[in-house]
PDB file of all heavy atoms in Angstrom:
ATOM      1  N   GLY A   1       0.782  -1.215   0.000  1.00  0.00           N
ATOM      2  CA  GLY A   1       0.000   0.000   0.000  1.00  0.00           C
ATOM      3  C   GLY A   1       0.820   1.275   0.000  1.00  0.00           C
ATOM      4  O   GLY A   1       0.290   2.354  -0.134  1.00  0.00           O
ATOM      5  N   GLU A   2       2.125   1.188   0.156  1.00  0.00           N
ATOM      6  CA  GLU A   2       2.964   2.378   0.247  1.00  0.00           C
ATOM      7  C   GLU A   2       4.070   2.334  -0.789  1.00  0.00           C
ATOM      8  O   GLU A   2       4.727   1.315  -0.968  1.00  0.00           O
ATOM      9  CB  GLU A   2       3.577   2.443   1.650  1.00  0.00           C
ATOM     10  CG  GLU A   2       4.488   3.635   1.855  1.00  0.00           C
ATOM     11  CD  GLU A   2       5.060   3.623   3.263  1.00  0.00           C
ATOM     12  OE1 GLU A   2       4.295   3.603   4.222  1.00  0.00           O
ATOM     13  OE2 GLU A   2       6.293   3.607   3.367  1.00  0.00           O
ATOM     14  N   ALA A   3       4.272   3.451  -1.442  1.00  0.00           N
ATOM     15  CA  ALA A   3       5.370   3.541  -2.408  1.00  0.00           C
ATOM     16  C   ALA A   3       6.666   3.652  -1.633  1.00  0.00           C
ATOM     17  O   ALA A   3       6.785   4.436  -0.695  1.00  0.00           O
ATOM     18  CB  ALA A   3       5.178   4.751  -3.307  1.00  0.00           C
ATOM     19  N   SER A   4       7.642   2.857  -2.002  1.00  0.00           N
ATOM     20  CA  SER A   4       8.910   2.897  -1.280  1.00  0.00           C
ATOM     21  C   SER A   4       9.907   3.747  -2.052  1.00  0.00           C
ATOM     22  O   SER A   4       9.883   3.814  -3.271  1.00  0.00           O
ATOM     23  CB  SER A   4       9.459   1.490  -1.072  1.00  0.00           C
ATOM     24  OG  SER A   4       9.659   0.873  -2.316  1.00  0.00           O
ATOM     25  N   ASP A   5      10.777   4.396  -1.315  1.00  0.00           N
ATOM     26  CA  ASP A   5      11.817   5.209  -1.921  1.00  0.00           C
ATOM     27  C   ASP A   5      12.903   4.308  -2.465  1.00  0.00           C
ATOM     28  O   ASP A   5      13.139   3.221  -1.937  1.00  0.00           O
ATOM     29  CB  ASP A   5      12.422   6.157  -0.874  1.00  0.00           C
ATOM     30  CG  ASP A   5      11.409   7.200  -0.413  1.00  0.00           C
ATOM     31  OD1 ASP A   5      10.564   7.586  -1.232  1.00  0.00           O
ATOM     32  OD2 ASP A   5      11.473   7.595   0.763  1.00  0.00           O
ATOM     33  N   PRO A   6      13.609   4.735  -3.520  1.00  0.00           N
ATOM     34  CA  PRO A   6      14.714   3.919  -4.024  1.00  0.00           C
ATOM     35  C   PRO A   6      15.796   3.838  -2.956  1.00  0.00           C
ATOM     36  O   PRO A   6      15.954   4.740  -2.143  1.00  0.00           O
ATOM     37  CB  PRO A   6      15.195   4.677  -5.266  1.00  0.00           C
ATOM     38  CG  PRO A   6      14.653   6.057  -5.146  1.00  0.00           C
ATOM     39  CD  PRO A   6      13.446   5.973  -4.269  1.00  0.00           C
ATOM     40  N   PRO A   7      16.547   2.724  -2.934  1.00  0.00           N
ATOM     41  CA  PRO A   7      17.575   2.569  -1.923  1.00  0.00           C
ATOM     42  C   PRO A   7      18.637   3.654  -2.069  1.00  0.00           C
ATOM     43  O   PRO A   7      18.977   4.077  -3.166  1.00  0.00           O
ATOM     44  CB  PRO A   7      18.157   1.176  -2.183  1.00  0.00           C
ATOM     45  CG  PRO A   7      17.730   0.830  -3.564  1.00  0.00           C
ATOM     46  CD  PRO A   7      16.489   1.620  -3.860  1.00  0.00           C
ATOM     47  N   ALA A   8      19.128   4.098  -0.931  1.00  0.00           N
ATOM     48  CA  ALA A   8      20.170   5.124  -0.928  1.00  0.00           C
ATOM     49  C   ALA A   8      21.466   4.527  -1.449  1.00  0.00           C
ATOM     50  O   ALA A   8      21.766   3.352  -1.201  1.00  0.00           O
ATOM     51  CB  ALA A   8      20.366   5.651   0.486  1.00  0.00           C
ATOM     52  N   PRO A   9      22.267   5.311  -2.192  1.00  0.00           N
ATOM     53  CA  PRO A   9      23.535   4.786  -2.692  1.00  0.00           C
ATOM     54  C   PRO A   9      24.458   4.435  -1.530  1.00  0.00           C
ATOM     55  O   PRO A   9      24.466   5.100  -0.510  1.00  0.00           O
ATOM     56  CB  PRO A   9      24.102   5.918  -3.544  1.00  0.00           C
ATOM     57  CG  PRO A   9      23.285   7.135  -3.240  1.00  0.00           C
ATOM     58  CD  PRO A   9      22.029   6.684  -2.578  1.00  0.00           C
ATOM     59  N   ALA A  10      25.186   3.346  -1.689  1.00  0.00           N
ATOM     60  CA  ALA A  10      26.107   2.900  -0.646  1.00  0.00           C
ATOM     61  C   ALA A  10      27.239   3.909  -0.512  1.00  0.00           C
ATOM     62  O   ALA A  10      27.823   4.347  -1.498  1.00  0.00           O
ATOM     63  CB  ALA A  10      26.652   1.529  -0.995  1.00  0.00           C
ATOM     64  N   ALA A  11      27.518   4.274   0.722  1.00  0.00           N
ATOM     65  CA  ALA A  11      28.565   5.267   0.986  1.00  0.00           C
ATOM     66  C   ALA A  11      29.926   4.702   0.616  1.00  0.00           C
ATOM     67  O   ALA A  11      30.266   3.578   0.961  1.00  0.00           O
ATOM     68  CB  ALA A  11      28.534   5.663   2.456  1.00  0.00           C
ATOM     69  N   GLY A  12      30.679   5.471  -0.123  1.00  0.00           N
ATOM     70  CA  GLY A  12      32.046   5.081  -0.453  1.00  0.00           C
ATOM     71  C   GLY A  12      32.195   4.178  -1.666  1.00  0.00           C
ATOM     72  O   GLY A  12      33.312   3.838  -2.034  1.00  0.00           O
ATOM     73  N   LEU A  13      31.095   3.727  -2.277  1.00  0.00           N
ATOM     74  CA  LEU A  13      31.190   2.856  -3.448  1.00  0.00           C
ATOM     75  C   LEU A  13      31.099   3.684  -4.724  1.00  0.00           C
ATOM     76  O   LEU A  13      30.321   4.634  -4.800  1.00  0.00           O
ATOM     77  CB  LEU A  13      30.068   1.821  -3.454  1.00  0.00           C
ATOM     78  CG  LEU A  13      30.150   0.703  -2.429  1.00  0.00           C
ATOM     79  CD1 LEU A  13      28.916  -0.180  -2.533  1.00  0.00           C
ATOM     80  CD2 LEU A  13      31.394  -0.119  -2.618  1.00  0.00           C
ATOM     81  N   PRO A  14      31.867   3.319  -5.741  1.00  0.00           N
ATOM     82  CA  PRO A  14      31.750   4.019  -7.020  1.00  0.00           C
ATOM     83  C   PRO A  14      30.414   3.674  -7.682  1.00  0.00           C
ATOM     84  O   PRO A  14      29.766   2.701  -7.308  1.00  0.00           O
ATOM     85  CB  PRO A  14      32.927   3.482  -7.834  1.00  0.00           C
ATOM     86  CG  PRO A  14      33.321   2.216  -7.188  1.00  0.00           C
ATOM     87  CD  PRO A  14      32.894   2.296  -5.757  1.00  0.00           C
ATOM     88  N   PRO A  15      29.989   4.438  -8.683  1.00  0.00           N
ATOM     89  CA  PRO A  15      28.743   4.133  -9.392  1.00  0.00           C
ATOM     90  C   PRO A  15      28.782   2.716  -9.970  1.00  0.00           C
ATOM     91  O   PRO A  15      29.858   2.188 -10.274  1.00  0.00           O
ATOM     92  CB  PRO A  15      28.701   5.174 -10.520  1.00  0.00           C
ATOM     93  CG  PRO A  15      29.662   6.234 -10.130  1.00  0.00           C
ATOM     94  CD  PRO A  15      30.666   5.611  -9.219  1.00  0.00           C
ATOM     95  N   PRO A  16      27.609   2.085 -10.118  1.00  0.00           N
ATOM     96  CA  PRO A  16      27.563   0.699 -10.609  1.00  0.00           C
ATOM     97  C   PRO A  16      28.327   0.474 -11.907  1.00  0.00           C
ATOM     98  O   PRO A  16      28.962  -0.561 -12.076  1.00  0.00           O
ATOM     99  CB  PRO A  16      26.070   0.435 -10.798  1.00  0.00           C
ATOM    100  CG  PRO A  16      25.402   1.370  -9.860  1.00  0.00           C
ATOM    101  CD  PRO A  16      26.276   2.589  -9.797  1.00  0.00           C
ATOM    102  N   ALA A  17      28.284   1.421 -12.825  1.00  0.00           N
ATOM    103  CA  ALA A  17      28.962   1.250 -14.114  1.00  0.00           C
ATOM    104  C   ALA A  17      30.473   1.174 -13.963  1.00  0.00           C
ATOM    105  O   ALA A  17      31.164   0.617 -14.817  1.00  0.00           O
ATOM    106  CB  ALA A  17      28.597   2.376 -15.064  1.00  0.00           C
ATOM    107  N   GLU A  18      30.997   1.700 -12.878  1.00  0.00           N
ATOM    108  CA  GLU A  18      32.443   1.705 -12.674  1.00  0.00           C
ATOM    109  C   GLU A  18      32.922   0.577 -11.762  1.00  0.00           C
ATOM    110  O   GLU A  18      34.111   0.409 -11.542  1.00  0.00           O
ATOM    111  CB  GLU A  18      32.880   3.050 -12.081  1.00  0.00           C
ATOM    112  CG  GLU A  18      32.650   4.210 -13.014  1.00  0.00           C
ATOM    113  CD  GLU A  18      33.002   5.548 -12.367  1.00  0.00           C
ATOM    114  OE1 GLU A  18      33.621   5.546 -11.282  1.00  0.00           O
ATOM    115  OE2 GLU A  18      32.656   6.576 -12.955  1.00  0.00           O
ATOM    116  N   ARG A  19      32.004  -0.190 -11.195  1.00  0.00           N
ATOM    117  CA  ARG A  19      32.385  -1.244 -10.247  1.00  0.00           C
ATOM    118  C   ARG A  19      32.958  -2.480 -10.913  1.00  0.00           C
ATOM    119  O   ARG A  19      33.695  -3.231 -10.316  1.00  0.00           O
ATOM    120  CB  ARG A  19      31.167  -1.666  -9.420  1.00  0.00           C
ATOM    121  CG  ARG A  19      30.738  -0.620  -8.451  1.00  0.00           C
ATOM    122  CD  ARG A  19      29.609  -1.136  -7.602  1.00  0.00           C
ATOM    123  NE  ARG A  19      28.850   0.001  -7.106  1.00  0.00           N
ATOM    124  CZ  ARG A  19      27.652  -0.079  -6.612  1.00  0.00           C
ATOM    125  NH1 ARG A  19      27.043  -1.241  -6.541  1.00  0.00           N
ATOM    126  NH2 ARG A  19      27.038   0.999  -6.190  1.00  0.00           N
ATOM    127  N   GLY A  20      32.588  -2.763 -12.138  1.00  0.00           N
ATOM    128  CA  GLY A  20      33.081  -3.965 -12.792  1.00  0.00           C
ATOM    129  C   GLY A  20      32.141  -4.409 -13.883  1.00  0.00           C
ATOM    130  O   GLY A  20      31.236  -3.682 -14.274  1.00  0.00           O
ATOM    131  N   ALA A  21      32.353  -5.616 -14.359  1.00  0.00           N
ATOM    132  CA  ALA A  21      31.549  -6.151 -15.448  1.00  0.00           C
ATOM    133  C   ALA A  21      31.208  -7.606 -15.169  1.00  0.00           C
ATOM    134  O   ALA A  21      31.945  -8.301 -14.474  1.00  0.00           O
ATOM    135  CB  ALA A  21      32.309  -6.051 -16.765  1.00  0.00           C
ATOM    136  N   THR A  22      30.102  -8.028 -15.712  1.00  0.00           N
ATOM    137  CA  THR A  22      29.725  -9.433 -15.635  1.00  0.00           C
ATOM    138  C   THR A  22      30.333 -10.135 -16.839  1.00  0.00           C
ATOM    139  O   THR A  22      30.116  -9.720 -17.969  1.00  0.00           O
ATOM    140  CB  THR A  22      28.201  -9.590 -15.664  1.00  0.00           C
ATOM    141  OG1 THR A  22      27.649  -8.872 -14.563  1.00  0.00           O
ATOM    142  CG2 THR A  22      27.795 -11.051 -15.585  1.00  0.00           C
ATOM    143  N   VAL A  23      31.093 -11.180 -16.578  1.00  0.00           N
ATOM    144  CA  VAL A  23      31.749 -11.924 -17.650  1.00  0.00           C
ATOM    145  C   VAL A  23      31.150 -13.325 -17.699  1.00  0.00           C
ATOM    146  O   VAL A  23      31.116 -14.029 -16.697  1.00  0.00           O
ATOM    147  CB  VAL A  23      33.278 -12.004 -17.403  1.00  0.00           C
ATOM    148  CG1 VAL A  23      33.936 -12.834 -18.485  1.00  0.00           C
ATOM    149  CG2 VAL A  23      33.873 -10.616 -17.328  1.00  0.00           C
ATOM    150  N   ILE A  24      30.675 -13.702 -18.883  1.00  0.00           N
ATOM    151  CA  ILE A  24      30.129 -15.045 -19.083  1.00  0.00           C
ATOM    152  C   ILE A  24      31.153 -15.816 -19.898  1.00  0.00           C
ATOM    153  O   ILE A  24      31.430 -15.464 -21.043  1.00  0.00           O
ATOM    154  CB  ILE A  24      28.774 -14.997 -19.815  1.00  0.00           C
ATOM    155  CG1 ILE A  24      27.791 -14.113 -19.046  1.00  0.00           C
ATOM    156  CG2 ILE A  24      28.211 -16.402 -19.976  1.00  0.00           C
ATOM    157  CD1 ILE A  24      26.491 -13.861 -19.773  1.00  0.00           C
ATOM    158  N   PRO A  25      31.740 -16.869 -19.322  1.00  0.00           N
ATOM    159  CA  PRO A  25      32.766 -17.632 -20.044  1.00  0.00           C
ATOM    160  C   PRO A  25      32.233 -18.281 -21.321  1.00  0.00           C
ATOM    161  O   PRO A  25      31.050 -18.618 -21.417  1.00  0.00           O
ATOM    162  CB  PRO A  25      33.192 -18.710 -19.041  1.00  0.00           C
ATOM    163  CG  PRO A  25      32.715 -18.236 -17.714  1.00  0.00           C
ATOM    164  CD  PRO A  25      31.515 -17.369 -17.977  1.00  0.00           C
ATOM    165  N   ASP A  26      33.125 -18.467 -22.272  1.00  0.00           N
ATOM    166  CA  ASP A  26      32.772 -19.098 -23.553  1.00  0.00           C
ATOM    167  C   ASP A  26      32.067 -20.435 -23.328  1.00  0.00           C
ATOM    168  O   ASP A  26      31.100 -20.760 -24.015  1.00  0.00           O
ATOM    169  CB  ASP A  26      34.024 -19.341 -24.394  1.00  0.00           C
ATOM    170  CG  ASP A  26      34.703 -18.059 -24.847  1.00  0.00           C
ATOM    171  OD1 ASP A  26      34.207 -16.964 -24.518  1.00  0.00           O
ATOM    172  OD2 ASP A  26      35.728 -18.163 -25.525  1.00  0.00           O
ATOM    173  N   ARG A  27      32.564 -21.189 -22.368  1.00  0.00           N
ATOM    174  CA  ARG A  27      32.024 -22.527 -22.125  1.00  0.00           C
ATOM    175  C   ARG A  27      30.551 -22.479 -21.697  1.00  0.00           C
ATOM    176  O   ARG A  27      29.751 -23.319 -22.099  1.00  0.00           O
ATOM    177  CB  ARG A  27      32.862 -23.212 -21.051  1.00  0.00           C
ATOM    178  CG  ARG A  27      32.698 -24.694 -21.037  1.00  0.00           C
ATOM    179  CD  ARG A  27      33.744 -25.306 -20.159  1.00  0.00           C
ATOM    180  NE  ARG A  27      33.053 -25.948 -19.055  1.00  0.00           N
ATOM    181  CZ  ARG A  27      33.618 -26.408 -17.984  1.00  0.00           C
ATOM    182  NH1 ARG A  27      34.901 -26.278 -17.816  1.00  0.00           N
ATOM    183  NH2 ARG A  27      32.922 -27.000 -17.058  1.00  0.00           N
ATOM    184  N   MET A  28      30.194 -21.484 -20.898  1.00  0.00           N
ATOM    185  CA  MET A  28      28.803 -21.360 -20.459  1.00  0.00           C
ATOM    186  C   MET A  28      27.901 -20.914 -21.606  1.00  0.00           C
ATOM    187  O   MET A  28      26.781 -21.400 -21.737  1.00  0.00           O
ATOM    188  CB  MET A  28      28.684 -20.366 -19.301  1.00  0.00           C
ATOM    189  CG  MET A  28      29.257 -20.860 -18.002  1.00  0.00           C
ATOM    190  SD  MET A  28      28.418 -22.337 -17.396  1.00  0.00           S
ATOM    191  CE  MET A  28      29.574 -23.609 -17.847  1.00  0.00           C
ATOM    192  N   VAL A  29      28.398 -20.016 -22.428  1.00  0.00           N
ATOM    193  CA  VAL A  29      27.618 -19.586 -23.598  1.00  0.00           C
ATOM    194  C   VAL A  29      27.419 -20.781 -24.535  1.00  0.00           C
ATOM    195  O   VAL A  29      26.332 -20.971 -25.089  1.00  0.00           O
ATOM    196  CB  VAL A  29      28.302 -18.409 -24.322  1.00  0.00           C
ATOM    197  CG1 VAL A  29      27.547 -18.039 -25.584  1.00  0.00           C
ATOM    198  CG2 VAL A  29      28.409 -17.201 -23.401  1.00  0.00           C
TER     199      VAL A  29
END
């Protein structure tokens, strides 16, 4: 029944785009 606010950014962490990448190995693909 209540709209929730988006989670606050974690203190001290870089933006998600700068944190890393998801790598899917060739074998899994």
